[in-house]
Amino acid sequence: MLILRLLVVLMTALLVLSGAMFVLTRNRKYLDFAWQTLRFAVLVILVFALLFVLERYVLAGWRVML
């Protein structure tokens, strides 16, 4: 969970900074970078959620069956 929290903080900082750089410079590459960062963050969070569900329900159910 600590890794996930650290990732959320870093992604939020990246999004805010790249958004601020876009507002200040009107350079489209900062907005594209923010979009790529957001997509990556969502992908990583979905992978963590899938692993959490796998651990919580599938592996716990497997232990009950044994």
PDB file of N, CA and C in Angstrom:
ATOM      1  N   MET A   1       0.815  -1.190   0.000  1.00  0.00           N
ATOM      2  CA  MET A   1       0.000   0.000   0.000  1.00  0.00           C
ATOM      3  C   MET A   1       0.866   1.265   0.000  1.00  0.00           C
ATOM      4  N   LEU A   2       2.006   1.181   0.635  1.00  0.00           N
ATOM      5  CA  LEU A   2       2.895   2.338   0.678  1.00  0.00           C
ATOM      6  C   LEU A   2       3.376   2.705  -0.727  1.00  0.00           C
ATOM      7  N   ILE A   3       3.663   1.688  -1.529  1.00  0.00           N
ATOM      8  CA  ILE A   3       4.112   1.938  -2.898  1.00  0.00           C
ATOM      9  C   ILE A   3       3.002   2.605  -3.699  1.00  0.00           C
ATOM     10  N   LEU A   4       1.778   2.150  -3.505  1.00  0.00           N
ATOM     11  CA  LEU A   4       0.651   2.735  -4.229  1.00  0.00           C
ATOM     12  C   LEU A   4       0.431   4.192  -3.821  1.00  0.00           C
ATOM     13  N   ARG A   5       0.548   4.484  -2.554  1.00  0.00           N
ATOM     14  CA  ARG A   5       0.400   5.873  -2.090  1.00  0.00           C
ATOM     15  C   ARG A   5       1.508   6.758  -2.645  1.00  0.00           C
ATOM     16  N   LEU A   6       2.725   6.251  -2.638  1.00  0.00           N
ATOM     17  CA  LEU A   6       3.845   7.007  -3.194  1.00  0.00           C
ATOM     18  C   LEU A   6       3.636   7.258  -4.680  1.00  0.00           C
ATOM     19  N   LEU A   7       3.143   6.261  -5.385  1.00  0.00           N
ATOM     20  CA  LEU A   7       2.859   6.413  -6.803  1.00  0.00           C
ATOM     21  C   LEU A   7       1.783   7.466  -7.046  1.00  0.00           C
ATOM     22  N   VAL A   8       0.741   7.469  -6.237  1.00  0.00           N
ATOM     23  CA  VAL A   8      -0.329   8.460  -6.389  1.00  0.00           C
ATOM     24  C   VAL A   8       0.200   9.863  -6.144  1.00  0.00           C
ATOM     25  N   VAL A   9       1.032  10.029  -5.134  1.00  0.00           N
ATOM     26  CA  VAL A   9       1.600  11.351  -4.842  1.00  0.00           C
ATOM     27  C   VAL A   9       2.498  11.816  -5.991  1.00  0.00           C
ATOM     28  N   LEU A  10       3.335  10.925  -6.500  1.00  0.00           N
ATOM     29  CA  LEU A  10       4.225  11.303  -7.598  1.00  0.00           C
ATOM     30  C   LEU A  10       3.450  11.608  -8.871  1.00  0.00           C
ATOM     31  N   MET A  11       2.448  10.816  -9.163  1.00  0.00           N
ATOM     32  CA  MET A  11       1.648  11.070 -10.369  1.00  0.00           C
ATOM     33  C   MET A  11       0.878  12.380 -10.255  1.00  0.00           C
ATOM     34  N   THR A  12       0.360  12.660  -9.073  1.00  0.00           N
ATOM     35  CA  THR A  12      -0.347  13.925  -8.870  1.00  0.00           C
ATOM     36  C   THR A  12       0.596  15.110  -9.056  1.00  0.00           C
ATOM     37  N   ALA A  13       1.796  14.994  -8.504  1.00  0.00           N
ATOM     38  CA  ALA A  13       2.779  16.064  -8.669  1.00  0.00           C
ATOM     39  C   ALA A  13       3.145  16.247 -10.144  1.00  0.00           C
ATOM     40  N   LEU A  14       3.333  15.139 -10.866  1.00  0.00           N
ATOM     41  CA  LEU A  14       3.644  15.236 -12.292  1.00  0.00           C
ATOM     42  C   LEU A  14       2.517  15.887 -13.072  1.00  0.00           C
ATOM     43  N   LEU A  15       1.282  15.515 -12.761  1.00  0.00           N
ATOM     44  CA  LEU A  15       0.146  16.089 -13.473  1.00  0.00           C
ATOM     45  C   LEU A  15       0.001  17.576 -13.194  1.00  0.00           C
ATOM     46  N   VAL A  16       0.161  17.969 -11.945  1.00  0.00           N
ATOM     47  CA  VAL A  16       0.037  19.387 -11.590  1.00  0.00           C
ATOM     48  C   VAL A  16       1.163  20.200 -12.228  1.00  0.00           C
ATOM     49  N   LEU A  17       2.376  19.687 -12.161  1.00  0.00           N
ATOM     50  CA  LEU A  17       3.502  20.426 -12.736  1.00  0.00           C
ATOM     51  C   LEU A  17       3.402  20.535 -14.256  1.00  0.00           C
ATOM     52  N   SER A  18       3.030  19.446 -14.905  1.00  0.00           N
ATOM     53  CA  SER A  18       2.917  19.534 -16.364  1.00  0.00           C
ATOM     54  C   SER A  18       1.731  20.408 -16.774  1.00  0.00           C
ATOM     55  N   GLY A  19       0.663  20.403 -15.995  1.00  0.00           N
ATOM     56  CA  GLY A  19      -0.452  21.303 -16.267  1.00  0.00           C
ATOM     57  C   GLY A  19      -0.047  22.755 -16.086  1.00  0.00           C
ATOM     58  N   ALA A  20       0.714  23.023 -15.046  1.00  0.00           N
ATOM     59  CA  ALA A  20       1.190  24.392 -14.818  1.00  0.00           C
ATOM     60  C   ALA A  20       2.143  24.835 -15.923  1.00  0.00           C
ATOM     61  N   MET A  21       2.996  23.922 -16.374  1.00  0.00           N
ATOM     62  CA  MET A  21       3.908  24.274 -17.465  1.00  0.00           C
ATOM     63  C   MET A  21       3.147  24.541 -18.758  1.00  0.00           C
ATOM     64  N   PHE A  22       2.074  23.798 -18.987  1.00  0.00           N
ATOM     65  CA  PHE A  22       1.257  24.056 -20.181  1.00  0.00           C
ATOM     66  C   PHE A  22       0.604  25.433 -20.097  1.00  0.00           C
ATOM     67  N   VAL A  23       0.084  25.769 -18.914  1.00  0.00           N
ATOM     68  CA  VAL A  23      -0.567  27.072 -18.755  1.00  0.00           C
ATOM     69  C   VAL A  23       0.443  28.206 -18.935  1.00  0.00           C
ATOM     70  N   LEU A  24       1.647  28.010 -18.424  1.00  0.00           N
ATOM     71  CA  LEU A  24       2.652  29.076 -18.516  1.00  0.00           C
ATOM     72  C   LEU A  24       3.236  29.220 -19.917  1.00  0.00           C
ATOM     73  N   THR A  25       3.475  28.099 -20.597  1.00  0.00           N
ATOM     74  CA  THR A  25       4.177  28.177 -21.880  1.00  0.00           C
ATOM     75  C   THR A  25       3.279  27.965 -23.095  1.00  0.00           C
ATOM     76  N   ARG A  26       2.086  27.423 -22.895  1.00  0.00           N
ATOM     77  CA  ARG A  26       1.164  27.067 -23.981  1.00  0.00           C
ATOM     78  C   ARG A  26       1.800  26.089 -24.972  1.00  0.00           C
ATOM     79  N   ASN A  27       2.754  25.300 -24.473  1.00  0.00           N
ATOM     80  CA  ASN A  27       3.404  24.286 -25.287  1.00  0.00           C
ATOM     81  C   ASN A  27       2.622  22.979 -25.145  1.00  0.00           C
ATOM     82  N   ARG A  28       2.177  22.445 -26.250  1.00  0.00           N
ATOM     83  CA  ARG A  28       1.290  21.272 -26.261  1.00  0.00           C
ATOM     84  C   ARG A  28       1.971  20.017 -25.719  1.00  0.00           C
ATOM     85  N   LYS A  29       3.306  19.947 -25.747  1.00  0.00           N
ATOM     86  CA  LYS A  29       3.985  18.736 -25.300  1.00  0.00           C
ATOM     87  C   LYS A  29       3.767  18.478 -23.809  1.00  0.00           C
ATOM     88  N   TYR A  30       3.566  19.531 -23.016  1.00  0.00           N
ATOM     89  CA  TYR A  30       3.304  19.335 -21.591  1.00  0.00           C
ATOM     90  C   TYR A  30       1.914  18.734 -21.362  1.00  0.00           C
ATOM     91  N   LEU A  31       0.958  19.121 -22.168  1.00  0.00           N
ATOM     92  CA  LEU A  31      -0.374  18.550 -22.072  1.00  0.00           C
ATOM     93  C   LEU A  31      -0.370  17.092 -22.522  1.00  0.00           C
ATOM     94  N   ASP A  32       0.374  16.783 -23.563  1.00  0.00           N
ATOM     95  CA  ASP A  32       0.504  15.396 -24.010  1.00  0.00           C
ATOM     96  C   ASP A  32       1.187  14.544 -22.947  1.00  0.00           C
ATOM     97  N   PHE A  33       2.209  15.098 -22.313  1.00  0.00           N
ATOM     98  CA  PHE A  33       2.893  14.377 -21.238  1.00  0.00           C
ATOM     99  C   PHE A  33       1.950  14.116 -20.070  1.00  0.00           C
ATOM    100  N   ALA A  34       1.127  15.091 -19.727  1.00  0.00           N
ATOM    101  CA  ALA A  34       0.151  14.912 -18.648  1.00  0.00           C
ATOM    102  C   ALA A  34      -0.841  13.805 -19.003  1.00  0.00           C
ATOM    103  N   TRP A  35      -1.286  13.767 -20.242  1.00  0.00           N
ATOM    104  CA  TRP A  35      -2.225  12.726 -20.686  1.00  0.00           C
ATOM    105  C   TRP A  35      -1.577  11.336 -20.617  1.00  0.00           C
ATOM    106  N   GLN A  36      -0.328  11.227 -21.056  1.00  0.00           N
ATOM    107  CA  GLN A  36       0.378   9.951 -20.980  1.00  0.00           C
ATOM    108  C   GLN A  36       0.584   9.528 -19.528  1.00  0.00           C
ATOM    109  N   THR A  37       0.907  10.470 -18.675  1.00  0.00           N
ATOM    110  CA  THR A  37       1.099  10.173 -17.264  1.00  0.00           C
ATOM    111  C   THR A  37      -0.202   9.691 -16.632  1.00  0.00           C
ATOM    112  N   LEU A  38      -1.302  10.335 -16.964  1.00  0.00           N
ATOM    113  CA  LEU A  38      -2.596   9.932 -16.430  1.00  0.00           C
ATOM    114  C   LEU A  38      -2.969   8.530 -16.890  1.00  0.00           C
ATOM    115  N   ARG A  39      -2.752   8.229 -18.160  1.00  0.00           N
ATOM    116  CA  ARG A  39      -3.054   6.883 -18.662  1.00  0.00           C
ATOM    117  C   ARG A  39      -2.194   5.831 -17.974  1.00  0.00           C
ATOM    118  N   PHE A  40      -0.909   6.125 -17.781  1.00  0.00           N
ATOM    119  CA  PHE A  40      -0.018   5.195 -17.097  1.00  0.00           C
ATOM    120  C   PHE A  40      -0.447   4.983 -15.653  1.00  0.00           C
ATOM    121  N   ALA A  41      -0.823   6.056 -14.974  1.00  0.00           N
ATOM    122  CA  ALA A  41      -1.257   5.952 -13.583  1.00  0.00           C
ATOM    123  C   ALA A  41      -2.517   5.102 -13.462  1.00  0.00           C
ATOM    124  N   VAL A  42      -3.459   5.295 -14.358  1.00  0.00           N
ATOM    125  CA  VAL A  42      -4.683   4.493 -14.326  1.00  0.00           C
ATOM    126  C   VAL A  42      -4.360   3.024 -14.586  1.00  0.00           C
ATOM    127  N   LEU A  43      -3.469   2.755 -15.521  1.00  0.00           N
ATOM    128  CA  LEU A  43      -3.077   1.379 -15.807  1.00  0.00           C
ATOM    129  C   LEU A  43      -2.427   0.720 -14.592  1.00  0.00           C
ATOM    130  N   VAL A  44      -1.517   1.430 -13.942  1.00  0.00           N
ATOM    131  CA  VAL A  44      -0.836   0.871 -12.775  1.00  0.00           C
ATOM    132  C   VAL A  44      -1.822   0.646 -11.631  1.00  0.00           C
ATOM    133  N   ILE A  45      -2.739   1.575 -11.418  1.00  0.00           N
ATOM    134  CA  ILE A  45      -3.731   1.410 -10.355  1.00  0.00           C
ATOM    135  C   ILE A  45      -4.647   0.229 -10.653  1.00  0.00           C
ATOM    136  N   LEU A  46      -5.018   0.039 -11.908  1.00  0.00           N
ATOM    137  CA  LEU A  46      -5.834  -1.120 -12.269  1.00  0.00           C
ATOM    138  C   LEU A  46      -5.096  -2.433 -12.044  1.00  0.00           C
ATOM    139  N   VAL A  47      -3.803  -2.459 -12.334  1.00  0.00           N
ATOM    140  CA  VAL A  47      -3.006  -3.667 -12.085  1.00  0.00           C
ATOM    141  C   VAL A  47      -2.933  -3.947 -10.592  1.00  0.00           C
ATOM    142  N   PHE A  48      -2.694  -2.926  -9.780  1.00  0.00           N
ATOM    143  CA  PHE A  48      -2.671  -3.114  -8.335  1.00  0.00           C
ATOM    144  C   PHE A  48      -4.033  -3.585  -7.826  1.00  0.00           C
ATOM    145  N   ALA A  49      -5.099  -3.031  -8.348  1.00  0.00           N
ATOM    146  CA  ALA A  49      -6.439  -3.447  -7.926  1.00  0.00           C
ATOM    147  C   ALA A  49      -6.696  -4.903  -8.297  1.00  0.00           C
ATOM    148  N   LEU A  50      -6.273  -5.302  -9.490  1.00  0.00           N
ATOM    149  CA  LEU A  50      -6.440  -6.688  -9.904  1.00  0.00           C
ATOM    150  C   LEU A  50      -5.648  -7.633  -9.009  1.00  0.00           C
ATOM    151  N   LEU A  51      -4.426  -7.251  -8.681  1.00  0.00           N
ATOM    152  CA  LEU A  51      -3.624  -8.078  -7.778  1.00  0.00           C
ATOM    153  C   LEU A  51      -4.242  -8.147  -6.384  1.00  0.00           C
ATOM    154  N   PHE A  52      -4.808  -7.052  -5.923  1.00  0.00           N
ATOM    155  CA  PHE A  52      -5.459  -7.034  -4.619  1.00  0.00           C
ATOM    156  C   PHE A  52      -6.666  -7.967  -4.612  1.00  0.00           C
ATOM    157  N   VAL A  53      -7.477  -7.899  -5.656  1.00  0.00           N
ATOM    158  CA  VAL A  53      -8.644  -8.779  -5.746  1.00  0.00           C
ATOM    159  C   VAL A  53      -8.193 -10.230  -5.843  1.00  0.00           C
ATOM    160  N   LEU A  54      -7.165 -10.487  -6.614  1.00  0.00           N
ATOM    161  CA  LEU A  54      -6.638 -11.843  -6.735  1.00  0.00           C
ATOM    162  C   LEU A  54      -6.186 -12.372  -5.389  1.00  0.00           C
ATOM    163  N   GLU A  55      -5.446 -11.571  -4.657  1.00  0.00           N
ATOM    164  CA  GLU A  55      -4.960 -12.001  -3.348  1.00  0.00           C
ATOM    165  C   GLU A  55      -6.109 -12.170  -2.367  1.00  0.00           C
ATOM    166  N   ARG A  56      -7.016 -11.252  -2.386  1.00  0.00           N
ATOM    167  CA  ARG A  56      -8.074 -11.225  -1.379  1.00  0.00           C
ATOM    168  C   ARG A  56      -9.078 -12.357  -1.551  1.00  0.00           C
ATOM    169  N   TYR A  57      -9.502 -12.604  -2.762  1.00  0.00           N
ATOM    170  CA  TYR A  57     -10.605 -13.541  -2.976  1.00  0.00           C
ATOM    171  C   TYR A  57     -10.167 -14.873  -3.567  1.00  0.00           C
ATOM    172  N   VAL A  58      -9.335 -14.831  -4.577  1.00  0.00           N
ATOM    173  CA  VAL A  58      -8.976 -16.073  -5.253  1.00  0.00           C
ATOM    174  C   VAL A  58      -8.042 -16.911  -4.388  1.00  0.00           C
ATOM    175  N   LEU A  59      -6.971 -16.305  -3.904  1.00  0.00           N
ATOM    176  CA  LEU A  59      -6.024 -17.077  -3.105  1.00  0.00           C
ATOM    177  C   LEU A  59      -6.593 -17.440  -1.744  1.00  0.00           C
ATOM    178  N   ALA A  60      -7.423 -16.593  -1.164  1.00  0.00           N
ATOM    179  CA  ALA A  60      -8.075 -16.923   0.113  1.00  0.00           C
ATOM    180  C   ALA A  60      -9.059 -18.057  -0.097  1.00  0.00           C
ATOM    181  N   GLY A  61      -9.784 -18.036  -1.197  1.00  0.00           N
ATOM    182  CA  GLY A  61     -10.690 -19.140  -1.507  1.00  0.00           C
ATOM    183  C   GLY A  61      -9.942 -20.437  -1.766  1.00  0.00           C
ATOM    184  N   TRP A  62      -8.777 -20.337  -2.366  1.00  0.00           N
ATOM    185  CA  TRP A  62      -7.969 -21.519  -2.627  1.00  0.00           C
ATOM    186  C   TRP A  62      -7.521 -22.162  -1.316  1.00  0.00           C
ATOM    187  N   ARG A  63      -7.145 -21.342  -0.314  1.00  0.00           N
ATOM    188  CA  ARG A  63      -6.741 -21.872   0.991  1.00  0.00           C
ATOM    189  C   ARG A  63      -7.880 -22.578   1.696  1.00  0.00           C
ATOM    190  N   VAL A  64      -9.097 -22.087   1.520  1.00  0.00           N
ATOM    191  CA  VAL A  64     -10.256 -22.711   2.146  1.00  0.00           C
ATOM    192  C   VAL A  64     -10.486 -24.089   1.541  1.00  0.00           C
ATOM    193  N   MET A  65     -10.266 -24.219   0.241  1.00  0.00           N
ATOM    194  CA  MET A  65     -10.493 -25.496  -0.421  1.00  0.00           C
ATOM    195  C   MET A  65      -9.474 -26.538  -0.030  1.00  0.00           C
ATOM    196  N   LEU A  66      -8.267 -26.121   0.340  1.00  0.00           N
ATOM    197  CA  LEU A  66      -7.239 -27.088   0.717  1.00  0.00           C
ATOM    198  C   LEU A  66      -7.449 -27.511   2.114  1.00  0.00           C
TER     199      LEU A  66
END
